[in-house]
Amino acid sequence: VAVFNICRRLGKTYTLVLYCNEQALRERQKIRYGCAFLTDLEEFVLPAFALILEDCPEHLRPVYNRSRKTWTYPSTGSEVKLVGLDKHLQKIEHCAPTKGK
């Protein structure tokens, strides 16, 4: 697990998406890429994937499953799951017991 505390506009998204791709192409593994908000994935992360993968050879190109928000790499069997932490917090808060019960 890695957590970065870095200022804005430094290229964090591009660098981390590139790192995820490199790791996923090395060997079979499950990688989780988390953002504070699910909307950040659509606004920042998916365009970074598109930019990095635009000249990717067809036999290495991952497949994106929109409903699962997952990139699957057929060449290695790796998976990069995109996670919006706001959605997970809502699930946790919904299931958490309330005081007095």
N, C-alpha and C. Protein backbone atom coordinates (compact mmCIF):
# COMPACT_ATOMS: atom_id res chain seq x y z
N VAL A 1 0.85 -1.17 0.00
CA VAL A 1 0.00 0.00 0.00
C VAL A 1 0.89 1.23 0.00
N ALA A 2 0.57 2.17 -0.88
CA ALA A 2 1.32 3.41 -0.94
C ALA A 2 0.35 4.58 -0.91
N VAL A 3 0.64 5.59 -0.11
CA VAL A 3 -0.16 6.80 -0.04
C VAL A 3 0.77 7.96 -0.31
N PHE A 4 0.37 8.83 -1.24
CA PHE A 4 1.20 9.97 -1.62
C PHE A 4 0.54 11.27 -1.18
N ASN A 5 1.30 12.17 -0.61
CA ASN A 5 0.83 13.49 -0.24
C ASN A 5 1.65 14.49 -1.07
N ILE A 6 1.15 14.78 -2.26
CA ILE A 6 1.90 15.59 -3.23
C ILE A 6 1.01 16.73 -3.72
N CYS A 7 1.62 17.86 -4.04
CA CYS A 7 0.87 19.02 -4.50
C CYS A 7 0.20 18.77 -5.85
N ARG A 8 -0.68 19.68 -6.23
CA ARG A 8 -1.43 19.58 -7.48
C ARG A 8 -0.54 19.81 -8.70
N ARG A 9 -0.99 19.27 -9.82
CA ARG A 9 -0.38 19.51 -11.15
C ARG A 9 1.06 19.02 -11.26
N LEU A 10 1.37 17.91 -10.62
CA LEU A 10 2.72 17.38 -10.66
C LEU A 10 2.84 16.16 -11.57
N GLY A 11 1.71 15.67 -12.09
CA GLY A 11 1.73 14.50 -12.95
C GLY A 11 1.54 13.20 -12.19
N LYS A 12 0.91 13.28 -11.03
CA LYS A 12 0.72 12.09 -10.19
C LYS A 12 -0.13 11.05 -10.90
N THR A 13 -1.24 11.46 -11.47
CA THR A 13 -2.16 10.50 -12.10
C THR A 13 -1.46 9.78 -13.24
N TYR A 14 -0.83 10.51 -14.13
CA TYR A 14 -0.15 9.90 -15.27
C TYR A 14 0.93 8.93 -14.78
N THR A 15 1.74 9.35 -13.83
CA THR A 15 2.83 8.52 -13.32
C THR A 15 2.30 7.25 -12.67
N LEU A 16 1.26 7.36 -11.86
CA LEU A 16 0.72 6.19 -11.18
C LEU A 16 -0.01 5.24 -12.13
N VAL A 17 -0.70 5.78 -13.13
CA VAL A 17 -1.35 4.92 -14.13
C VAL A 17 -0.28 4.19 -14.95
N LEU A 18 0.80 4.88 -15.29
CA LEU A 18 1.91 4.24 -16.01
C LEU A 18 2.51 3.12 -15.16
N TYR A 19 2.71 3.39 -13.88
CA TYR A 19 3.25 2.39 -12.96
C TYR A 19 2.32 1.17 -12.87
N CYS A 20 1.01 1.42 -12.75
CA CYS A 20 0.04 0.31 -12.70
C CYS A 20 0.13 -0.55 -13.96
N ASN A 21 0.23 0.10 -15.11
CA ASN A 21 0.34 -0.64 -16.37
C ASN A 21 1.60 -1.47 -16.42
N GLU A 22 2.71 -0.89 -16.03
CA GLU A 22 3.98 -1.63 -16.05
C GLU A 22 3.92 -2.84 -15.13
N GLN A 23 3.37 -2.66 -13.93
CA GLN A 23 3.28 -3.77 -12.98
C GLN A 23 2.33 -4.86 -13.50
N ALA A 24 1.21 -4.45 -14.07
CA ALA A 24 0.23 -5.41 -14.57
C ALA A 24 0.78 -6.22 -15.74
N LEU A 25 1.69 -5.64 -16.51
CA LEU A 25 2.27 -6.36 -17.65
C LEU A 25 3.41 -7.28 -17.25
N ARG A 26 3.95 -7.14 -16.04
CA ARG A 26 5.07 -7.97 -15.59
C ARG A 26 4.64 -9.38 -15.21
N GLU A 27 3.62 -9.46 -14.36
CA GLU A 27 3.15 -10.76 -13.87
C GLU A 27 1.72 -10.62 -13.39
N ARG A 28 1.05 -11.75 -13.24
CA ARG A 28 -0.35 -11.75 -12.81
C ARG A 28 -0.46 -11.18 -11.39
N GLN A 29 -1.32 -10.16 -11.25
CA GLN A 29 -1.55 -9.56 -9.95
C GLN A 29 -2.82 -8.72 -9.98
N LYS A 30 -3.34 -8.43 -8.80
CA LYS A 30 -4.50 -7.56 -8.66
C LYS A 30 -4.03 -6.24 -8.07
N ILE A 31 -4.33 -5.18 -8.78
CA ILE A 31 -3.91 -3.84 -8.38
C ILE A 31 -5.17 -3.02 -8.14
N ARG A 32 -5.20 -2.27 -7.07
CA ARG A 32 -6.31 -1.37 -6.76
C ARG A 32 -5.82 0.07 -6.89
N TYR A 33 -6.52 0.86 -7.70
CA TYR A 33 -6.19 2.27 -7.87
C TYR A 33 -7.35 3.05 -7.25
N GLY A 34 -7.09 3.70 -6.13
CA GLY A 34 -8.15 4.40 -5.41
C GLY A 34 -8.07 5.90 -5.56
N CYS A 35 -9.24 6.51 -5.70
CA CYS A 35 -9.38 7.97 -5.73
C CYS A 35 -10.38 8.36 -4.66
N ALA A 36 -10.32 9.60 -4.24
CA ALA A 36 -11.24 10.07 -3.22
C ALA A 36 -12.69 9.96 -3.69
N PHE A 37 -12.93 10.28 -4.95
CA PHE A 37 -14.28 10.29 -5.48
C PHE A 37 -14.36 9.47 -6.76
N LEU A 38 -15.47 8.79 -6.94
CA LEU A 38 -15.69 7.99 -8.14
C LEU A 38 -15.64 8.86 -9.40
N THR A 39 -16.11 10.09 -9.29
CA THR A 39 -16.10 10.98 -10.46
C THR A 39 -14.66 11.31 -10.89
N ASP A 40 -13.71 11.28 -9.94
CA ASP A 40 -12.30 11.53 -10.30
C ASP A 40 -11.77 10.48 -11.26
N LEU A 41 -12.27 9.27 -11.12
CA LEU A 41 -11.83 8.21 -12.03
C LEU A 41 -12.18 8.55 -13.47
N GLU A 42 -13.41 9.00 -13.67
CA GLU A 42 -13.86 9.32 -15.02
C GLU A 42 -13.20 10.59 -15.55
N GLU A 43 -12.94 11.53 -14.68
CA GLU A 43 -12.40 12.81 -15.11
C GLU A 43 -10.88 12.80 -15.32
N PHE A 44 -10.16 12.04 -14.50
CA PHE A 44 -8.70 12.09 -14.55
C PHE A 44 -8.04 10.76 -14.92
N VAL A 45 -8.48 9.67 -14.29
CA VAL A 45 -7.78 8.40 -14.43
C VAL A 45 -8.04 7.73 -15.78
N LEU A 46 -9.30 7.66 -16.21
CA LEU A 46 -9.59 7.03 -17.50
C LEU A 46 -8.91 7.75 -18.67
N PRO A 47 -8.89 9.08 -18.72
CA PRO A 47 -8.14 9.74 -19.79
C PRO A 47 -6.63 9.45 -19.73
N ALA A 48 -6.08 9.28 -18.54
CA ALA A 48 -4.66 8.94 -18.41
C ALA A 48 -4.41 7.54 -18.98
N PHE A 49 -5.30 6.59 -18.67
CA PHE A 49 -5.19 5.26 -19.26
C PHE A 49 -5.25 5.34 -20.78
N ALA A 50 -6.21 6.10 -21.30
CA ALA A 50 -6.37 6.22 -22.75
C ALA A 50 -5.10 6.78 -23.39
N LEU A 51 -4.51 7.78 -22.79
CA LEU A 51 -3.29 8.39 -23.32
C LEU A 51 -2.13 7.40 -23.32
N ILE A 52 -1.96 6.69 -22.23
CA ILE A 52 -0.86 5.74 -22.11
C ILE A 52 -1.04 4.55 -23.05
N LEU A 53 -2.28 4.13 -23.24
CA LEU A 53 -2.54 2.92 -24.04
C LEU A 53 -2.77 3.19 -25.52
N GLU A 54 -2.73 4.46 -25.94
CA GLU A 54 -3.07 4.76 -27.34
C GLU A 54 -2.12 4.10 -28.35
N ASP A 55 -0.89 3.84 -27.99
CA ASP A 55 0.03 3.17 -28.92
C ASP A 55 0.47 1.79 -28.40
N CYS A 56 -0.33 1.23 -27.50
CA CYS A 56 -0.03 -0.08 -26.93
C CYS A 56 -0.25 -1.16 -28.00
N PRO A 57 0.69 -2.10 -28.15
CA PRO A 57 0.48 -3.20 -29.10
C PRO A 57 -0.79 -3.98 -28.75
N GLU A 58 -1.49 -4.42 -29.77
CA GLU A 58 -2.77 -5.09 -29.59
C GLU A 58 -2.69 -6.30 -28.66
N HIS A 59 -1.61 -7.07 -28.72
CA HIS A 59 -1.50 -8.29 -27.92
C HIS A 59 -1.24 -8.00 -26.43
N LEU A 60 -0.88 -6.75 -26.10
CA LEU A 60 -0.66 -6.36 -24.70
C LEU A 60 -1.77 -5.48 -24.14
N ARG A 61 -2.63 -4.99 -25.02
CA ARG A 61 -3.64 -4.02 -24.62
C ARG A 61 -4.66 -4.62 -23.65
N PRO A 62 -4.88 -3.95 -22.50
CA PRO A 62 -5.90 -4.42 -21.57
C PRO A 62 -7.30 -4.09 -22.07
N VAL A 63 -8.28 -4.77 -21.51
CA VAL A 63 -9.68 -4.57 -21.85
C VAL A 63 -10.36 -3.92 -20.65
N TYR A 64 -11.14 -2.87 -20.91
CA TYR A 64 -11.82 -2.17 -19.82
C TYR A 64 -13.27 -2.64 -19.70
N ASN A 65 -13.66 -2.99 -18.49
CA ASN A 65 -15.04 -3.36 -18.20
C ASN A 65 -15.65 -2.20 -17.43
N ARG A 66 -16.51 -1.45 -18.09
CA ARG A 66 -17.07 -0.22 -17.51
C ARG A 66 -17.90 -0.50 -16.26
N SER A 67 -18.70 -1.55 -16.26
CA SER A 67 -19.57 -1.80 -15.11
C SER A 67 -18.76 -2.22 -13.87
N ARG A 68 -17.66 -2.93 -14.07
CA ARG A 68 -16.82 -3.35 -12.93
C ARG A 68 -15.70 -2.36 -12.65
N LYS A 69 -15.52 -1.38 -13.56
CA LYS A 69 -14.43 -0.40 -13.47
C LYS A 69 -13.08 -1.10 -13.31
N THR A 70 -12.86 -2.05 -14.22
CA THR A 70 -11.67 -2.89 -14.16
C THR A 70 -10.99 -2.99 -15.51
N TRP A 71 -9.67 -2.84 -15.50
CA TRP A 71 -8.85 -3.13 -16.67
C TRP A 71 -8.30 -4.54 -16.49
N THR A 72 -8.50 -5.41 -17.48
CA THR A 72 -7.98 -6.77 -17.43
C THR A 72 -6.94 -6.92 -18.53
N TYR A 73 -5.80 -7.49 -18.16
CA TYR A 73 -4.67 -7.66 -19.08
C TYR A 73 -4.62 -9.12 -19.52
N PRO A 74 -5.12 -9.43 -20.74
CA PRO A 74 -5.15 -10.82 -21.20
C PRO A 74 -3.76 -11.46 -21.27
N SER A 75 -2.73 -10.68 -21.52
CA SER A 75 -1.39 -11.25 -21.66
C SER A 75 -0.83 -11.81 -20.35
N THR A 76 -1.28 -11.27 -19.20
CA THR A 76 -0.77 -11.75 -17.91
C THR A 76 -1.87 -12.20 -16.96
N GLY A 77 -3.11 -11.84 -17.26
CA GLY A 77 -4.20 -12.15 -16.35
C GLY A 77 -4.32 -11.15 -15.20
N SER A 78 -3.54 -10.08 -15.26
CA SER A 78 -3.59 -9.05 -14.22
C SER A 78 -4.89 -8.26 -14.32
N GLU A 79 -5.20 -7.58 -13.21
CA GLU A 79 -6.40 -6.76 -13.14
C GLU A 79 -6.10 -5.48 -12.38
N VAL A 80 -6.51 -4.35 -12.96
CA VAL A 80 -6.41 -3.05 -12.27
C VAL A 80 -7.84 -2.61 -12.00
N LYS A 81 -8.21 -2.57 -10.73
CA LYS A 81 -9.55 -2.17 -10.31
C LYS A 81 -9.52 -0.72 -9.88
N LEU A 82 -10.40 0.10 -10.47
CA LEU A 82 -10.49 1.51 -10.13
C LEU A 82 -11.55 1.67 -9.04
N VAL A 83 -11.18 2.31 -7.95
CA VAL A 83 -12.04 2.38 -6.77
C VAL A 83 -12.25 3.84 -6.37
N GLY A 84 -13.51 4.23 -6.24
CA GLY A 84 -13.86 5.54 -5.70
C GLY A 84 -14.15 5.37 -4.22
N LEU A 85 -13.33 5.95 -3.38
CA LEU A 85 -13.46 5.74 -1.93
C LEU A 85 -14.75 6.30 -1.37
N ASP A 86 -15.34 7.30 -2.02
CA ASP A 86 -16.60 7.85 -1.53
C ASP A 86 -17.71 6.81 -1.58
N LYS A 87 -17.74 5.96 -2.58
CA LYS A 87 -18.76 4.92 -2.68
C LYS A 87 -18.57 3.87 -1.58
N HIS A 88 -17.33 3.54 -1.28
CA HIS A 88 -17.07 2.56 -0.23
C HIS A 88 -17.44 3.12 1.15
N LEU A 89 -17.20 4.40 1.37
CA LEU A 89 -17.56 5.01 2.65
C LEU A 89 -19.07 5.01 2.84
N GLN A 90 -19.81 5.25 1.75
CA GLN A 90 -21.27 5.22 1.84
C GLN A 90 -21.76 3.83 2.23
N LYS A 91 -21.16 2.79 1.67
CA LYS A 91 -21.55 1.42 2.01
C LYS A 91 -21.24 1.12 3.47
N ILE A 92 -20.07 1.55 3.92
CA ILE A 92 -19.66 1.30 5.30
C ILE A 92 -20.60 2.03 6.27
N GLU A 93 -20.90 3.30 5.96
CA GLU A 93 -21.77 4.08 6.83
C GLU A 93 -23.18 3.51 6.86
N HIS A 94 -23.64 2.97 5.73
CA HIS A 94 -24.97 2.39 5.65
C HIS A 94 -25.07 1.13 6.52
N CYS A 95 -24.01 0.37 6.58
CA CYS A 95 -24.00 -0.89 7.33
C CYS A 95 -23.59 -0.73 8.79
N ALA A 96 -23.03 0.40 9.14
CA ALA A 96 -22.54 0.61 10.51
C ALA A 96 -23.71 0.72 11.49
N PRO A 97 -23.57 0.11 12.64
CA PRO A 97 -24.63 0.23 13.65
C PRO A 97 -24.70 1.66 14.17
N THR A 98 -25.89 2.09 14.49
CA THR A 98 -26.06 3.44 15.04
C THR A 98 -26.06 3.36 16.55
N LYS A 99 -25.78 4.47 17.21
CA LYS A 99 -25.76 4.50 18.66
C LYS A 99 -27.15 4.20 19.22
N GLY A 100 -27.17 3.49 20.31
CA GLY A 100 -28.43 3.19 20.96
C GLY A 100 -29.08 1.91 20.48
N LYS A 101 -28.49 1.23 19.53
CA LYS A 101 -29.08 -0.02 19.02
C LYS A 101 -28.27 -1.20 19.46
